[in-house]
Amino acid sequence: MAYKYKHFIPQNTAPSGTKSIGVYDNSGKKVCSIPLGRMSPPNATKLYSFGLVSDIHIYPIVAVEWTPEVKFNNALSYFESKNCAFCVQCGDFTQTGLYLDGATSIDLRQFAKYKEICDSHTIPVYGLCGNHESIQGKPITNNLTELKEYTGNDLYYMITHGDDVFILIGQPNYNKVMGDDALQWLQSTLENNRNKRCFVFIHPYIEEDSGDPLDYRENSVFVDWGTTKTNAFMNIMRQHPNVILFHGHSHTKFECQQYDVNANYTERNGFKSVHVPSLGKPRDINTTTGATPEDYYGSQGYIVDVYEEYIVLNGMDFINNEWVPLGVYKIDTV
């Protein structure tokens, strides 16, 4: 009986160095190999690479040998070994953030651990705040001095690398994707850089977009932000075809693409949208129960290879430092 694998999307490509696709039966025995065809890796000259992670959630958890701190340190070491120019993290780099369990006093221990790990490496880390950096409705904007001190980053800002523009926007509050000032700044910044390739990084994902496989995870941030602001943000993305949007929040693994073709990457809403799985505790989905259990022994993220006319996102398993095939794909940028 002929069998057709249905879980690749048109953007999927083979990891660098791959020669063929192996075909295995249900017992795991290799049946044959087939040519890569359209999935052949690019052979153009790479401009540079950067590391990309999200949802680190620095805080002691059950898997003692693979705490989020260990996973983050391991990922940065791997990025350095691959000569990545820098690392971007898409928020929730702590578990309880500036406030500890809703208390009114500031808890900076997790921020201090994050800074300690970053300072122990030579690779620059550019990050943004997620909902876990401002819990119980307390605005992070009251503590921008601490934020800057422990991360080196502002609430929203822009960096450049070569001819490319990187725009990072953190959450000012647990239920806001960004402040009104940041939304206006985003629009003007993109207008001023229409002739450049722009990478935009936020924390939460959009409903029925990448990062929302089978709609199994709640997305309170965009819901609480409201339809008007959500539509305004999406319209800004649509108006700028030179933009690729990156986000985290749902934690879902690359493998969730086998249940939903939009799990990792989609253009269904009129713009290029990439979900970044969790470095600290990625989630599976159980299609029978609807549960999304956390994998304390898992760790996923990207190495992004940047070329003149496209980027290649290499989905990584950072426990074993190997590619995840469903998380490797090429996005054209011209």
Protein backbone atom coordinates (compact mmCIF):
# COMPACT_ATOMS: atom_id res chain seq x y z
CA MET A 1 0.00 0.00 0.00
CA ALA A 2 1.34 3.41 -0.95
CA TYR A 3 1.83 5.86 1.90
CA LYS A 4 2.14 9.62 1.66
CA TYR A 5 3.65 11.66 4.47
CA LYS A 6 1.32 14.63 4.99
CA HIS A 7 2.95 16.69 7.71
CA PHE A 8 5.57 18.71 5.82
CA ILE A 9 4.64 22.22 4.70
CA PRO A 10 5.97 23.83 1.47
CA GLN A 11 8.58 25.77 3.47
CA ASN A 12 10.09 22.68 5.13
CA THR A 13 13.62 21.94 3.99
CA ALA A 14 16.18 19.33 4.97
CA PRO A 15 18.77 20.14 7.67
CA SER A 16 22.20 21.12 6.40
CA GLY A 17 24.28 18.12 5.38
CA THR A 18 21.27 15.86 4.73
CA LYS A 19 21.68 13.63 1.65
CA SER A 20 18.34 11.83 1.43
CA ILE A 21 15.08 11.12 3.24
CA GLY A 22 14.91 7.83 5.10
CA VAL A 23 11.69 5.79 4.97
CA TYR A 24 10.93 3.55 7.96
CA ASP A 25 8.16 1.06 8.71
CA ASN A 26 6.07 0.92 11.90
CA SER A 27 8.72 -1.14 13.67
CA GLY A 28 11.40 1.47 13.01
CA LYS A 29 13.17 -0.60 10.35
CA LYS A 30 14.54 1.42 7.44
CA VAL A 31 12.79 0.46 4.21
CA CYS A 32 14.55 2.72 1.72
CA SER A 33 15.83 6.22 1.03
CA ILE A 34 14.34 8.77 -1.37
CA PRO A 35 15.88 11.90 -2.94
CA LEU A 36 15.44 15.25 -1.18
CA GLY A 37 13.95 16.95 -4.23
CA ARG A 38 12.54 20.37 -3.36
CA MET A 39 13.62 19.86 0.27
CA SER A 40 17.32 20.10 -0.62
CA PRO A 41 19.19 22.49 1.74
CA PRO A 42 20.28 25.88 0.34
CA ASN A 43 23.75 26.14 -1.15
CA ALA A 44 24.07 29.95 -1.26
CA THR A 45 26.54 31.89 0.87
CA LYS A 46 25.23 32.52 4.38
CA LEU A 47 25.46 36.08 5.69
CA TYR A 48 25.25 35.28 9.42
CA SER A 49 23.35 33.22 12.01
CA PHE A 50 21.58 34.05 15.26
CA GLY A 51 20.11 31.98 18.07
CA LEU A 52 16.40 32.26 18.87
CA VAL A 53 14.66 30.99 22.02
CA SER A 54 11.56 31.73 24.09
CA ASP A 55 9.88 30.85 27.39
CA ILE A 56 12.97 29.94 29.39
CA HIS A 57 11.13 30.23 32.74
CA ILE A 58 14.17 30.42 34.99
CA TYR A 59 13.11 28.81 38.26
CA PRO A 60 13.96 25.47 39.96
CA ILE A 61 11.67 22.70 38.72
CA VAL A 62 11.40 18.92 39.02
CA ALA A 63 14.00 17.82 36.46
CA VAL A 64 17.02 18.75 38.56
CA GLU A 65 19.65 17.90 35.94
CA TRP A 66 17.81 19.87 33.27
CA THR A 67 16.58 23.03 35.01
CA PRO A 68 15.75 26.05 32.83
CA GLU A 69 19.04 27.61 33.96
CA VAL A 70 20.97 24.60 32.66
CA LYS A 71 19.01 24.59 29.40
CA PHE A 72 19.61 28.30 28.79
CA ASN A 73 23.31 27.97 29.54
CA ASN A 74 23.52 24.94 27.24
CA ALA A 75 21.78 26.77 24.39
CA LEU A 76 24.08 29.80 24.65
CA SER A 77 27.13 27.53 24.60
CA TYR A 78 25.80 25.81 21.50
CA PHE A 79 25.11 29.13 19.77
CA GLU A 80 28.68 30.19 20.50
CA SER A 81 30.03 26.92 19.10
CA LYS A 82 28.09 27.59 15.88
CA ASN A 83 29.41 31.17 15.61
CA CYS A 84 26.00 32.80 16.04
CA ALA A 85 26.29 36.58 16.06
CA PHE A 86 23.82 36.96 18.95
CA CYS A 87 20.77 35.40 20.63
CA VAL A 88 17.21 36.73 20.77
CA GLN A 89 14.79 35.58 23.49
CA CYS A 90 11.05 36.17 23.08
CA GLY A 91 9.96 36.64 26.68
CA ASP A 92 9.05 34.69 29.81
CA PHE A 93 12.71 34.32 30.65
CA THR A 94 11.68 34.06 34.31
CA GLN A 95 8.91 32.10 36.01
CA THR A 96 7.54 34.71 38.44
CA GLY A 97 9.33 37.78 37.13
CA LEU A 98 9.70 41.05 38.92
CA TYR A 99 7.04 40.09 41.43
CA LEU A 100 7.03 36.93 43.51
CA ASP A 101 3.64 35.19 43.57
CA GLY A 102 1.71 38.45 43.43
CA ALA A 103 3.54 40.10 46.33
CA THR A 104 4.04 43.85 46.27
CA SER A 105 7.80 43.65 46.82
CA ILE A 106 10.13 43.16 43.89
CA ASP A 107 11.85 39.78 43.58
CA LEU A 108 14.96 40.05 41.42
CA ARG A 109 16.51 36.66 42.10
CA GLN A 110 15.38 35.17 38.80
CA PHE A 111 16.47 38.30 36.93
CA ALA A 112 19.85 38.03 38.66
CA LYS A 113 20.20 34.40 37.57
CA TYR A 114 19.32 35.38 33.99
CA LYS A 115 21.97 38.11 34.05
CA GLU A 116 24.51 35.75 35.60
CA ILE A 117 24.06 33.25 32.79
CA CYS A 118 24.20 35.93 30.08
CA ASP A 119 27.34 37.46 31.61
CA SER A 120 29.07 34.07 31.65
CA HIS A 121 28.95 33.96 27.83
CA THR A 122 30.44 36.11 25.10
CA ILE A 123 27.39 36.00 22.82
CA PRO A 124 25.12 39.07 23.16
CA VAL A 125 21.55 38.29 24.28
CA TYR A 126 18.70 40.61 23.24
CA GLY A 127 15.42 39.93 24.97
CA LEU A 128 11.95 41.18 25.77
CA CYS A 129 9.42 40.86 28.59
CA GLY A 130 6.59 38.35 28.52
CA ASN A 131 3.54 37.97 30.75
CA HIS A 132 5.65 36.21 33.40
CA GLU A 133 7.78 39.32 33.82
CA SER A 134 4.70 41.22 35.02
CA ILE A 135 2.19 39.09 36.88
CA GLN A 136 -0.98 39.83 38.84
CA GLY A 137 -1.59 42.97 36.81
CA LYS A 138 1.36 44.91 38.19
CA PRO A 139 2.95 46.98 35.39
CA ILE A 140 6.58 46.33 34.62
CA THR A 141 6.87 49.97 33.53
CA ASN A 142 7.16 50.92 37.20
CA ASN A 143 10.46 49.07 37.34
CA LEU A 144 12.25 49.95 34.12
CA THR A 145 15.41 50.78 36.08
CA GLU A 146 15.61 47.20 37.34
CA LEU A 147 14.69 45.84 33.93
CA LYS A 148 17.54 47.74 32.28
CA GLU A 149 20.00 46.83 35.02
CA TYR A 150 19.37 43.10 34.90
CA THR A 151 18.78 42.58 31.18
CA GLY A 152 20.53 45.49 29.48
CA ASN A 153 17.36 46.00 27.40
CA ASP A 154 14.54 48.53 27.25
CA LEU A 155 10.84 47.64 27.10
CA TYR A 156 10.94 48.13 23.32
CA TYR A 157 13.89 48.90 21.07
CA MET A 158 15.58 48.26 17.73
CA ILE A 159 18.98 46.87 16.78
CA THR A 160 20.55 46.32 13.37
CA HIS A 161 22.87 43.65 12.02
CA GLY A 162 24.22 44.19 8.55
CA ASP A 163 21.33 45.52 6.48
CA ASP A 164 18.69 43.81 8.65
CA VAL A 165 16.51 45.44 11.33
CA PHE A 166 15.54 43.66 14.56
CA ILE A 167 12.57 45.10 16.47
CA LEU A 168 11.85 43.79 19.98
CA ILE A 169 8.71 44.75 21.91
CA GLY A 170 8.01 43.53 25.44
CA GLN A 171 4.81 43.53 27.45
CA PRO A 172 4.22 46.49 29.80
CA ASN A 173 1.61 44.46 31.67
CA TYR A 174 0.55 40.82 31.88
CA ASN A 175 -2.57 41.43 29.74
CA LYS A 176 -1.15 43.77 27.09
CA VAL A 177 0.83 42.69 24.05
CA MET A 178 2.38 46.16 23.99
CA GLY A 179 1.57 49.69 25.10
CA ASP A 180 -0.06 52.26 22.81
CA ASP A 181 3.27 54.09 22.62
CA ALA A 182 5.01 50.92 21.47
CA LEU A 183 2.35 50.21 18.84
CA GLN A 184 2.79 53.70 17.38
CA TRP A 185 6.57 53.33 17.54
CA LEU A 186 6.34 49.98 15.73
CA GLN A 187 4.32 51.47 12.89
CA SER A 188 6.66 54.44 12.43
CA THR A 189 9.76 52.24 12.70
CA LEU A 190 8.50 49.89 10.01
CA GLU A 191 7.53 52.81 7.79
CA ASN A 192 11.06 54.19 8.13
CA ASN A 193 12.54 50.81 7.17
CA ARG A 194 10.36 49.70 4.25
CA ASN A 195 13.43 49.13 2.12
CA LYS A 196 15.03 46.76 4.64
CA ARG A 197 14.32 43.27 5.89
CA CYS A 198 12.69 43.57 9.32
CA PHE A 199 12.37 40.92 12.02
CA VAL A 200 9.74 41.74 14.68
CA PHE A 201 9.76 39.91 18.04
CA ILE A 202 6.92 39.88 20.58
CA HIS A 203 5.92 37.39 23.27
CA PRO A 204 2.35 36.12 22.68
CA TYR A 205 0.97 34.38 19.63
CA ILE A 206 -2.20 35.40 17.76
CA GLU A 207 -5.30 33.21 17.86
CA GLU A 208 -5.54 30.85 14.86
CA ASP A 209 -2.01 31.65 13.79
CA SER A 210 1.30 29.86 14.29
CA GLY A 211 1.79 28.72 17.89
CA ASP A 212 -1.89 27.79 18.20
CA PRO A 213 -2.07 24.14 17.07
CA LEU A 214 -5.68 22.94 17.14
CA ASP A 215 -6.48 25.92 19.40
CA TYR A 216 -5.55 23.81 22.45
CA ARG A 217 -3.77 26.54 24.42
CA GLU A 218 -5.49 29.62 25.85
CA ASN A 219 -4.14 32.97 24.70
CA SER A 220 -5.30 35.48 27.28
CA VAL A 221 -2.82 38.19 26.25
CA PHE A 222 -4.22 39.00 22.79
CA VAL A 223 -7.77 38.36 24.03
CA ASP A 224 -7.36 40.81 26.91
CA TRP A 225 -5.65 43.33 24.63
CA GLY A 226 -8.87 43.44 22.62
CA THR A 227 -10.08 43.06 19.06
CA THR A 228 -9.41 46.67 18.07
CA LYS A 229 -5.74 46.66 19.05
CA THR A 230 -5.22 43.13 17.75
CA ASN A 231 -6.62 44.10 14.35
CA ALA A 232 -4.49 47.25 14.32
CA PHE A 233 -1.37 45.20 15.00
CA MET A 234 -2.23 42.61 12.35
CA ASN A 235 -2.91 45.36 9.80
CA ILE A 236 0.53 46.82 10.46
CA MET A 237 2.04 43.40 9.78
CA ARG A 238 0.05 43.03 6.54
CA GLN A 239 1.09 46.48 5.32
CA HIS A 240 4.77 45.58 5.48
CA PRO A 241 5.69 42.52 3.37
CA ASN A 242 9.34 43.02 4.35
CA VAL A 243 8.49 41.85 7.90
CA ILE A 244 8.67 38.43 9.57
CA LEU A 245 6.95 38.13 12.97
CA PHE A 246 8.39 35.90 15.72
CA HIS A 247 6.64 35.00 18.98
CA GLY A 248 6.42 32.39 21.74
CA HIS A 249 4.02 31.93 24.70
CA SER A 250 2.24 28.66 23.84
CA HIS A 251 5.37 26.51 24.42
CA THR A 252 4.19 23.98 21.81
CA LYS A 253 6.80 21.71 20.23
CA PHE A 254 7.84 21.55 16.60
CA GLU A 255 6.29 18.10 16.40
CA CYS A 256 2.81 19.63 16.79
CA GLN A 257 2.95 20.36 13.06
CA GLN A 258 1.82 16.77 12.52
CA TYR A 259 -1.56 17.80 14.01
CA ASP A 260 -1.80 21.31 12.53
CA VAL A 261 0.11 22.56 9.48
CA ASN A 262 0.11 26.09 10.95
CA ALA A 263 1.76 25.04 14.22
CA ASN A 264 5.25 26.39 13.50
CA TYR A 265 4.88 28.76 10.55
CA THR A 266 1.99 30.28 8.67
CA GLU A 267 0.99 33.07 6.30
CA ARG A 268 -2.74 32.44 6.77
CA ASN A 269 -3.35 35.94 8.22
CA GLY A 270 -1.58 37.81 5.45
CA PHE A 271 1.92 38.01 6.94
CA LYS A 272 4.84 35.70 7.77
CA SER A 273 4.48 34.38 11.31
CA VAL A 274 6.94 32.10 13.18
CA HIS A 275 6.29 30.41 16.52
CA VAL A 276 9.25 29.83 18.82
CA PRO A 277 8.76 26.81 21.15
CA SER A 278 9.80 26.81 24.79
CA LEU A 279 13.43 26.42 25.74
CA GLY A 280 12.56 25.68 29.38
CA LYS A 281 9.48 23.44 29.24
CA PRO A 282 8.08 22.72 25.76
CA ARG A 283 4.57 21.28 25.46
CA ASP A 284 3.15 18.29 23.64
CA ILE A 285 -0.54 18.12 22.79
CA ASN A 286 -2.78 15.15 23.44
CA THR A 287 -5.45 15.05 20.74
CA THR A 288 -7.52 12.57 22.73
CA THR A 289 -7.78 14.47 26.02
CA GLY A 290 -7.00 17.99 24.84
CA ALA A 291 -4.22 18.23 27.43
CA THR A 292 -0.92 20.04 26.71
CA PRO A 293 1.60 18.47 29.12
CA GLU A 294 4.95 20.16 29.76
CA ASP A 295 8.13 18.24 28.98
CA TYR A 296 10.60 19.12 31.73
CA TYR A 297 13.26 17.07 29.95
CA GLY A 298 12.76 18.84 26.61
CA SER A 299 14.29 22.04 25.25
CA GLN A 300 13.66 23.56 21.81
CA GLY A 301 14.52 26.68 19.83
CA TYR A 302 16.18 27.82 16.60
CA ILE A 303 19.41 28.64 14.94
CA VAL A 304 18.43 31.07 12.19
CA ASP A 305 20.70 31.19 9.14
CA VAL A 306 20.33 34.44 7.21
CA TYR A 307 20.95 34.64 3.46
CA GLU A 308 20.57 37.42 0.93
CA GLU A 309 17.09 36.41 -0.25
CA TYR A 310 15.77 34.11 2.48
CA ILE A 311 16.29 32.75 5.97
CA VAL A 312 16.50 29.14 7.11
CA LEU A 313 15.11 28.32 10.53
CA ASN A 314 16.85 25.30 11.99
CA GLY A 315 14.57 23.90 14.69
CA MET A 316 16.76 22.49 17.45
CA ASP A 317 16.52 19.96 20.26
CA PHE A 318 18.94 21.54 22.77
CA ILE A 319 19.11 18.47 25.01
CA ASN A 320 20.78 16.42 22.27
CA ASN A 321 21.94 19.38 20.13
CA GLU A 322 20.32 18.00 17.00
CA TRP A 323 17.83 19.17 14.39
CA VAL A 324 14.08 18.51 14.67
CA PRO A 325 13.04 17.80 11.03
CA LEU A 326 9.55 19.35 11.27
CA GLY A 327 11.14 22.52 12.64
CA VAL A 328 13.52 23.16 9.72
CA TYR A 329 12.21 25.40 6.96
CA LYS A 330 13.11 28.20 4.55
CA ILE A 331 11.27 31.51 4.31
CA ASP A 332 11.78 33.73 1.28
CA THR A 333 12.33 37.39 2.16
CA VAL A 334 12.24 39.08 -1.27
